[in-house]
């Protein structure tokens, strides 16, 4: 009989680690939200890693070990980055971490499964496609968020997959322009927690941008007056598209905020795919309150 240790990425950027003797059945239960507890409270979830073991005790041991790992080490395991796992173990960044060498996971000489049928995250918070708009060329979209100063928000969007199968607008002179969402575009929505007014920022791979202030869900929209234009730096390879974006925030965003992290992707054939941390019911709508699932703590808060 085969047993499995597995890892899920959950809404809010969390990881869940478990073990089972029926992987497909257990994943279906998590997807459906029928297992009470953490994953049920953090839907949607995405399967990101698994490994098989000959005994339950070995699978359970792997589960317990991985649960004690840092996020960085879990991410390295998902990527199969054995050099990074080894480096983190040697630096003792993970209490109780095994000493692992290149090509090993610390669970013996077995090789982890390659989960090519599901998104393979890179780092940060992970976007998922709207169920009506999948994109086979993309294996993952992740976003890192930081607030270097009280009035700045820094975001790194990382798209992995067959970038050649996507339409990536060629570089143009930075400028403010509307309707960027009609093609490949990175976006962030931000509002104070428990508030209704919010701002929307759009970033094109061609380095043009847009900024809007709204009073409520798609109401009272107007151009947001910016004192410094957003900064956009693009890096592209055949398998990776990275956008480093920096936004200068209104003063009120020094308080805790809710974030909606999203992306519109146009394929080379013109098909449009909509990606977000979470989606509401019905057609894609990045303004839906269900999309504001990430939290930005008050600046300077622990």
Protein backbone atom coordinates (compact mmCIF):
# COMPACT_ATOMS: atom_id res chain seq x y z
CA UNK A 1 0.00 0.00 0.00
CA UNK A 2 1.21 3.53 -0.81
CA UNK A 3 1.02 6.49 1.54
CA UNK A 4 1.51 10.15 0.72
CA UNK A 5 2.74 13.34 2.35
CA UNK A 6 1.33 16.37 0.53
CA UNK A 7 1.21 20.14 0.67
CA UNK A 8 -1.51 22.62 -0.29
CA UNK A 9 -1.37 26.35 -0.82
CA UNK A 10 -4.38 28.01 0.85
CA UNK A 11 -6.14 31.35 0.61
CA UNK A 12 -4.16 34.02 2.42
CA UNK A 13 -0.77 32.64 1.39
CA UNK A 14 -0.68 29.79 3.93
CA UNK A 15 0.60 26.24 3.44
CA UNK A 16 -1.11 23.12 4.73
CA UNK A 17 0.79 19.83 5.09
CA UNK A 18 -0.92 16.47 5.57
CA UNK A 19 -0.66 12.75 4.81
CA UNK A 20 -3.06 10.19 3.38
CA UNK A 21 -3.33 6.73 1.85
CA UNK A 22 -5.55 7.98 -1.02
CA UNK A 23 -4.13 11.18 -2.50
CA UNK A 24 -6.72 11.87 -5.20
CA UNK A 25 -9.63 11.32 -2.82
CA UNK A 26 -8.09 13.51 -0.12
CA UNK A 27 -7.36 16.32 -2.59
CA UNK A 28 -10.94 16.19 -3.83
CA UNK A 29 -12.16 16.50 -0.23
CA UNK A 30 -9.95 19.54 0.35
CA UNK A 31 -11.08 21.13 -2.93
CA UNK A 32 -14.73 20.61 -1.98
CA UNK A 33 -14.21 21.95 1.54
CA UNK A 34 -15.62 18.81 3.17
CA UNK A 35 -12.73 18.42 5.64
CA UNK A 36 -13.47 20.61 8.64
CA UNK A 37 -10.62 22.71 9.94
CA UNK A 38 -7.92 24.90 8.45
CA UNK A 39 -8.35 24.17 4.74
CA UNK A 40 -12.13 24.49 4.94
CA UNK A 41 -11.64 27.97 6.42
CA UNK A 42 -9.05 28.97 3.81
CA UNK A 43 -10.60 27.96 0.48
CA UNK A 44 -9.69 27.86 -2.31
CA UNK A 45 -6.74 25.52 -1.92
CA UNK A 46 -4.21 24.33 -4.50
CA UNK A 47 -2.21 21.10 -4.47
CA UNK A 48 1.47 22.03 -4.89
CA UNK A 49 3.60 19.06 -3.77
CA UNK A 50 3.45 15.39 -2.77
CA UNK A 51 5.70 12.38 -2.27
CA UNK A 52 4.85 8.72 -1.84
CA UNK A 53 6.09 6.45 0.98
CA UNK A 54 5.84 2.70 1.61
CA UNK A 55 4.53 3.08 5.18
CA UNK A 56 2.17 5.43 7.01
CA UNK A 57 4.75 6.20 9.68
CA UNK A 58 7.20 7.50 7.04
CA UNK A 59 4.51 9.71 5.49
CA UNK A 60 3.52 11.00 8.93
CA UNK A 61 7.15 11.67 9.79
CA UNK A 62 7.57 13.67 6.58
CA UNK A 63 4.40 15.64 7.35
CA UNK A 64 5.59 16.55 10.83
CA UNK A 65 9.05 17.50 9.60
CA UNK A 66 7.81 19.75 6.79
CA UNK A 67 5.33 21.48 9.12
CA UNK A 68 8.32 22.75 11.08
CA UNK A 69 10.02 24.22 8.04
CA UNK A 70 10.02 27.90 7.19
CA UNK A 71 8.01 29.21 4.26
CA UNK A 72 11.24 29.65 2.28
CA UNK A 73 12.18 26.02 2.72
CA UNK A 74 8.69 24.81 1.82
CA UNK A 75 8.86 26.92 -1.34
CA UNK A 76 12.23 25.39 -2.21
CA UNK A 77 10.78 21.89 -1.74
CA UNK A 78 7.90 22.71 -4.08
CA UNK A 79 10.33 24.00 -6.70
CA UNK A 80 12.68 21.05 -6.24
CA UNK A 81 15.47 23.51 -5.44
CA UNK A 82 17.76 21.14 -3.55
CA UNK A 83 20.63 23.60 -3.34
CA UNK A 84 18.38 26.08 -1.55
CA UNK A 85 17.04 23.38 0.79
CA UNK A 86 20.59 22.39 1.66
CA UNK A 87 21.62 26.01 2.21
CA UNK A 88 18.67 26.70 4.49
CA UNK A 89 19.33 23.53 6.45
CA UNK A 90 23.01 24.38 6.90
CA UNK A 91 22.10 27.88 8.04
CA UNK A 92 19.72 26.33 10.59
CA UNK A 93 16.88 28.58 9.53
CA UNK A 94 14.46 25.73 10.18
CA UNK A 95 14.32 24.24 13.66
CA UNK A 96 14.57 20.49 13.34
CA UNK A 97 15.28 20.63 9.61
CA UNK A 98 17.13 17.67 8.13
CA UNK A 99 20.53 18.07 6.56
CA UNK A 100 19.68 17.58 2.92
CA UNK A 101 21.99 17.38 -0.03
CA UNK A 102 21.40 18.24 -3.65
CA UNK A 103 18.76 15.97 -5.14
CA UNK A 104 17.45 14.79 -1.76
CA UNK A 105 14.53 15.85 0.41
CA UNK A 106 15.63 14.43 3.74
CA UNK A 107 13.22 11.50 3.36
CA UNK A 108 15.77 9.11 1.85
CA UNK A 109 16.80 8.70 -1.77
CA UNK A 110 13.31 8.97 -3.23
CA UNK A 111 12.56 11.61 -5.86
CA UNK A 112 9.49 13.86 -5.33
CA UNK A 113 6.69 13.76 -7.89
CA UNK A 114 6.66 16.40 -10.58
CA UNK A 115 3.17 17.95 -10.41
CA UNK A 116 2.97 19.20 -13.98
CA UNK A 117 -0.83 19.11 -14.14
CA UNK A 118 -1.30 21.71 -11.40
CA UNK A 119 0.18 25.17 -10.77
CA UNK A 120 3.71 25.13 -9.37
CA UNK A 121 4.18 28.26 -7.26
CA UNK A 122 7.41 30.20 -7.19
CA UNK A 123 7.11 32.47 -4.17
CA UNK A 124 4.75 34.86 -2.39
CA UNK A 125 0.95 34.80 -2.64
CA UNK A 126 -0.49 32.74 -5.46
CA UNK A 127 -3.16 33.74 -7.95
CA UNK A 128 -5.66 31.30 -9.39
CA UNK A 129 -7.51 31.57 -12.70
CA UNK A 130 -11.23 32.17 -12.80
CA UNK A 131 -12.77 28.74 -13.49
CA UNK A 132 -14.27 30.04 -16.74
CA UNK A 133 -10.94 31.38 -18.05
CA UNK A 134 -8.09 28.85 -17.66
CA UNK A 135 -4.74 29.38 -19.39
CA UNK A 136 -2.77 26.23 -20.16
CA UNK A 137 0.43 28.18 -20.89
CA UNK A 138 0.73 29.36 -17.28
CA UNK A 139 1.99 27.08 -14.50
CA UNK A 140 1.87 29.73 -11.75
CA UNK A 141 1.44 33.41 -10.93
CA UNK A 142 2.77 34.59 -7.58
CA UNK A 143 2.97 38.01 -5.97
CA UNK A 144 5.27 39.32 -3.25
CA UNK A 145 4.10 42.36 -1.31
CA UNK A 146 6.09 44.69 0.93
CA UNK A 147 5.77 48.24 2.27
CA UNK A 148 9.27 49.77 2.32
CA UNK A 149 7.98 53.13 3.57
CA UNK A 150 4.67 54.38 4.95
CA UNK A 151 3.66 55.81 1.57
CA UNK A 152 4.97 53.08 -0.73
CA UNK A 153 3.77 49.63 -1.75
CA UNK A 154 6.21 47.32 -3.56
CA UNK A 155 4.93 44.34 -5.55
CA UNK A 156 6.69 41.63 -7.50
CA UNK A 157 4.51 39.60 -9.88
CA UNK A 158 6.14 36.39 -11.13
CA UNK A 159 4.53 34.49 -14.01
CA UNK A 160 5.98 31.08 -14.88
CA UNK A 161 5.14 28.92 -17.86
CA UNK A 162 5.40 29.22 -21.63
CA UNK A 163 5.78 33.00 -21.85
CA UNK A 164 6.08 32.78 -25.62
CA UNK A 165 2.45 31.61 -25.73
CA UNK A 166 1.32 34.88 -24.08
CA UNK A 167 0.87 38.34 -25.51
CA UNK A 168 3.28 40.63 -23.66
CA UNK A 169 2.94 44.26 -24.81
CA UNK A 170 6.34 45.59 -25.94
CA UNK A 171 7.99 48.35 -23.94
CA UNK A 172 6.79 51.92 -24.44
CA UNK A 173 7.54 55.21 -22.75
CA UNK A 174 6.02 55.27 -19.23
CA UNK A 175 2.69 57.13 -19.31
CA UNK A 176 -0.75 57.15 -17.76
CA UNK A 177 -3.38 55.46 -19.92
CA UNK A 178 -6.76 53.82 -19.39
CA UNK A 179 -8.07 50.43 -20.60
CA UNK A 180 -4.84 48.55 -19.82
CA UNK A 181 -7.01 45.73 -18.45
CA UNK A 182 -8.08 44.82 -21.98
CA UNK A 183 -4.81 42.93 -22.46
CA UNK A 184 -2.02 41.50 -20.29
CA UNK A 185 -1.91 43.66 -17.17
CA UNK A 186 -0.86 43.43 -13.50
CA UNK A 187 -3.27 44.96 -10.97
CA UNK A 188 -3.63 45.72 -7.28
CA UNK A 189 -6.72 46.90 -5.38
CA UNK A 190 -6.30 48.40 -1.91
CA UNK A 191 -8.76 49.65 0.71
CA UNK A 192 -8.66 50.27 4.46
CA UNK A 193 -9.96 47.30 6.43
CA UNK A 194 -13.71 47.54 7.01
CA UNK A 195 -13.87 50.44 4.53
CA UNK A 196 -15.76 50.74 1.27
CA UNK A 197 -13.68 53.26 -0.72
CA UNK A 198 -10.64 51.83 -2.46
CA UNK A 199 -7.96 52.46 -5.07
CA UNK A 200 -7.08 50.46 -8.17
CA UNK A 201 -3.66 50.49 -9.83
CA UNK A 202 -2.92 48.90 -13.23
CA UNK A 203 0.58 48.11 -14.52
CA UNK A 204 1.25 47.12 -18.12
CA UNK A 205 4.34 45.12 -19.14
CA UNK A 206 4.98 48.01 -21.54
CA UNK A 207 5.54 50.20 -18.39
CA UNK A 208 2.39 52.31 -18.84
CA UNK A 209 0.03 52.56 -15.87
CA UNK A 210 -3.34 53.72 -14.54
CA UNK A 211 -4.71 54.67 -11.10
CA UNK A 212 -8.31 55.07 -9.98
CA UNK A 213 -10.16 56.02 -6.79
CA UNK A 214 -13.58 54.46 -6.19
CA UNK A 215 -16.22 55.16 -3.54
CA UNK A 216 -17.57 51.61 -3.48
CA UNK A 217 -17.97 48.50 -5.65
CA UNK A 218 -17.54 49.93 -9.14
CA UNK A 219 -19.11 53.23 -8.05
CA UNK A 220 -17.83 56.80 -7.99
CA UNK A 221 -14.78 55.95 -10.09
CA UNK A 222 -12.38 58.77 -10.93
CA UNK A 223 -8.75 59.14 -11.86
CA UNK A 224 -6.59 59.08 -8.75
CA UNK A 225 -4.26 62.08 -8.54
CA UNK A 226 -0.73 60.78 -8.07
CA UNK A 227 2.22 62.89 -6.97
CA UNK A 228 4.72 60.31 -8.21
CA UNK A 229 4.03 57.90 -11.05
CA UNK A 230 4.20 54.16 -10.33
CA UNK A 231 7.53 52.54 -11.21
CA UNK A 232 7.55 49.38 -13.34
CA UNK A 233 10.59 47.23 -14.13
CA UNK A 234 10.12 44.15 -16.33
CA UNK A 235 12.25 41.02 -16.64
CA UNK A 236 11.40 38.36 -19.23
CA UNK A 237 12.78 34.93 -20.16
CA UNK A 238 11.17 32.12 -22.19
CA UNK A 239 9.74 30.65 -18.95
CA UNK A 240 9.40 33.63 -16.61
CA UNK A 241 7.83 37.09 -16.68
CA UNK A 242 8.58 39.29 -13.66
CA UNK A 243 7.13 42.73 -12.98
CA UNK A 244 8.57 44.80 -10.13
CA UNK A 245 6.08 47.59 -9.41
CA UNK A 246 6.20 50.36 -6.83
CA UNK A 247 3.17 52.50 -5.94
CA UNK A 248 3.11 55.71 -3.91
CA UNK A 249 0.10 55.45 -1.62
CA UNK A 250 -2.42 57.95 -0.30
CA UNK A 251 -1.67 58.87 3.31
CA UNK A 252 -4.65 56.96 4.72
CA UNK A 253 -3.07 53.67 3.75
CA UNK A 254 -0.74 53.80 6.72
CA UNK A 255 -3.51 51.83 8.49
CA UNK A 256 -4.20 48.11 8.01
CA UNK A 257 -5.59 47.39 4.55
CA UNK A 258 -7.17 44.67 2.49
CA UNK A 259 -5.54 43.90 -0.85
CA UNK A 260 -6.84 42.40 -4.05
CA UNK A 261 -3.94 41.05 -6.14
CA UNK A 262 -4.93 40.25 -9.70
CA UNK A 263 -3.73 39.84 -13.25
CA UNK A 264 -5.27 39.83 -16.71
CA UNK A 265 -3.46 37.53 -19.15
CA UNK A 266 -3.93 37.61 -22.90
CA UNK A 267 -2.69 34.58 -24.79
CA UNK A 268 -1.03 34.90 -28.19
CA UNK A 269 -4.27 33.65 -29.76
CA UNK A 270 -6.26 36.46 -28.12
CA UNK A 271 -7.91 34.41 -25.33
CA UNK A 272 -8.22 36.32 -22.04
CA UNK A 273 -7.63 34.73 -18.62
CA UNK A 274 -8.41 36.38 -15.28
CA UNK A 275 -6.29 35.57 -12.20
CA UNK A 276 -6.83 36.57 -8.55
CA UNK A 277 -6.19 35.36 -5.00
CA UNK A 278 -9.86 34.36 -4.93
CA UNK A 279 -12.93 34.88 -7.09
CA UNK A 280 -16.54 35.68 -6.31
CA UNK A 281 -19.50 33.87 -7.83
CA UNK A 282 -20.38 34.52 -11.45
CA UNK A 283 -18.31 36.25 -14.11
CA UNK A 284 -14.77 37.51 -13.36
CA UNK A 285 -14.90 40.71 -11.27
CA UNK A 286 -11.72 41.92 -9.60
CA UNK A 287 -13.74 44.59 -7.75
CA UNK A 288 -15.73 41.91 -5.91
CA UNK A 289 -15.15 42.01 -2.12
CA UNK A 290 -14.21 38.30 -2.27
CA UNK A 291 -11.04 39.25 -4.17
CA UNK A 292 -9.71 41.41 -1.30
CA UNK A 293 -8.24 38.46 0.59
CA UNK A 294 -4.67 39.60 1.35
CA UNK A 295 -3.96 41.78 4.40
CA UNK A 296 -1.42 44.59 4.65
CA UNK A 297 -0.75 45.34 8.34
CA UNK A 298 -0.61 48.92 9.58
CA UNK A 299 2.80 50.33 8.72
CA UNK A 300 5.26 49.61 11.50
CA UNK A 301 2.98 47.03 13.15
CA UNK A 302 4.63 43.82 14.31
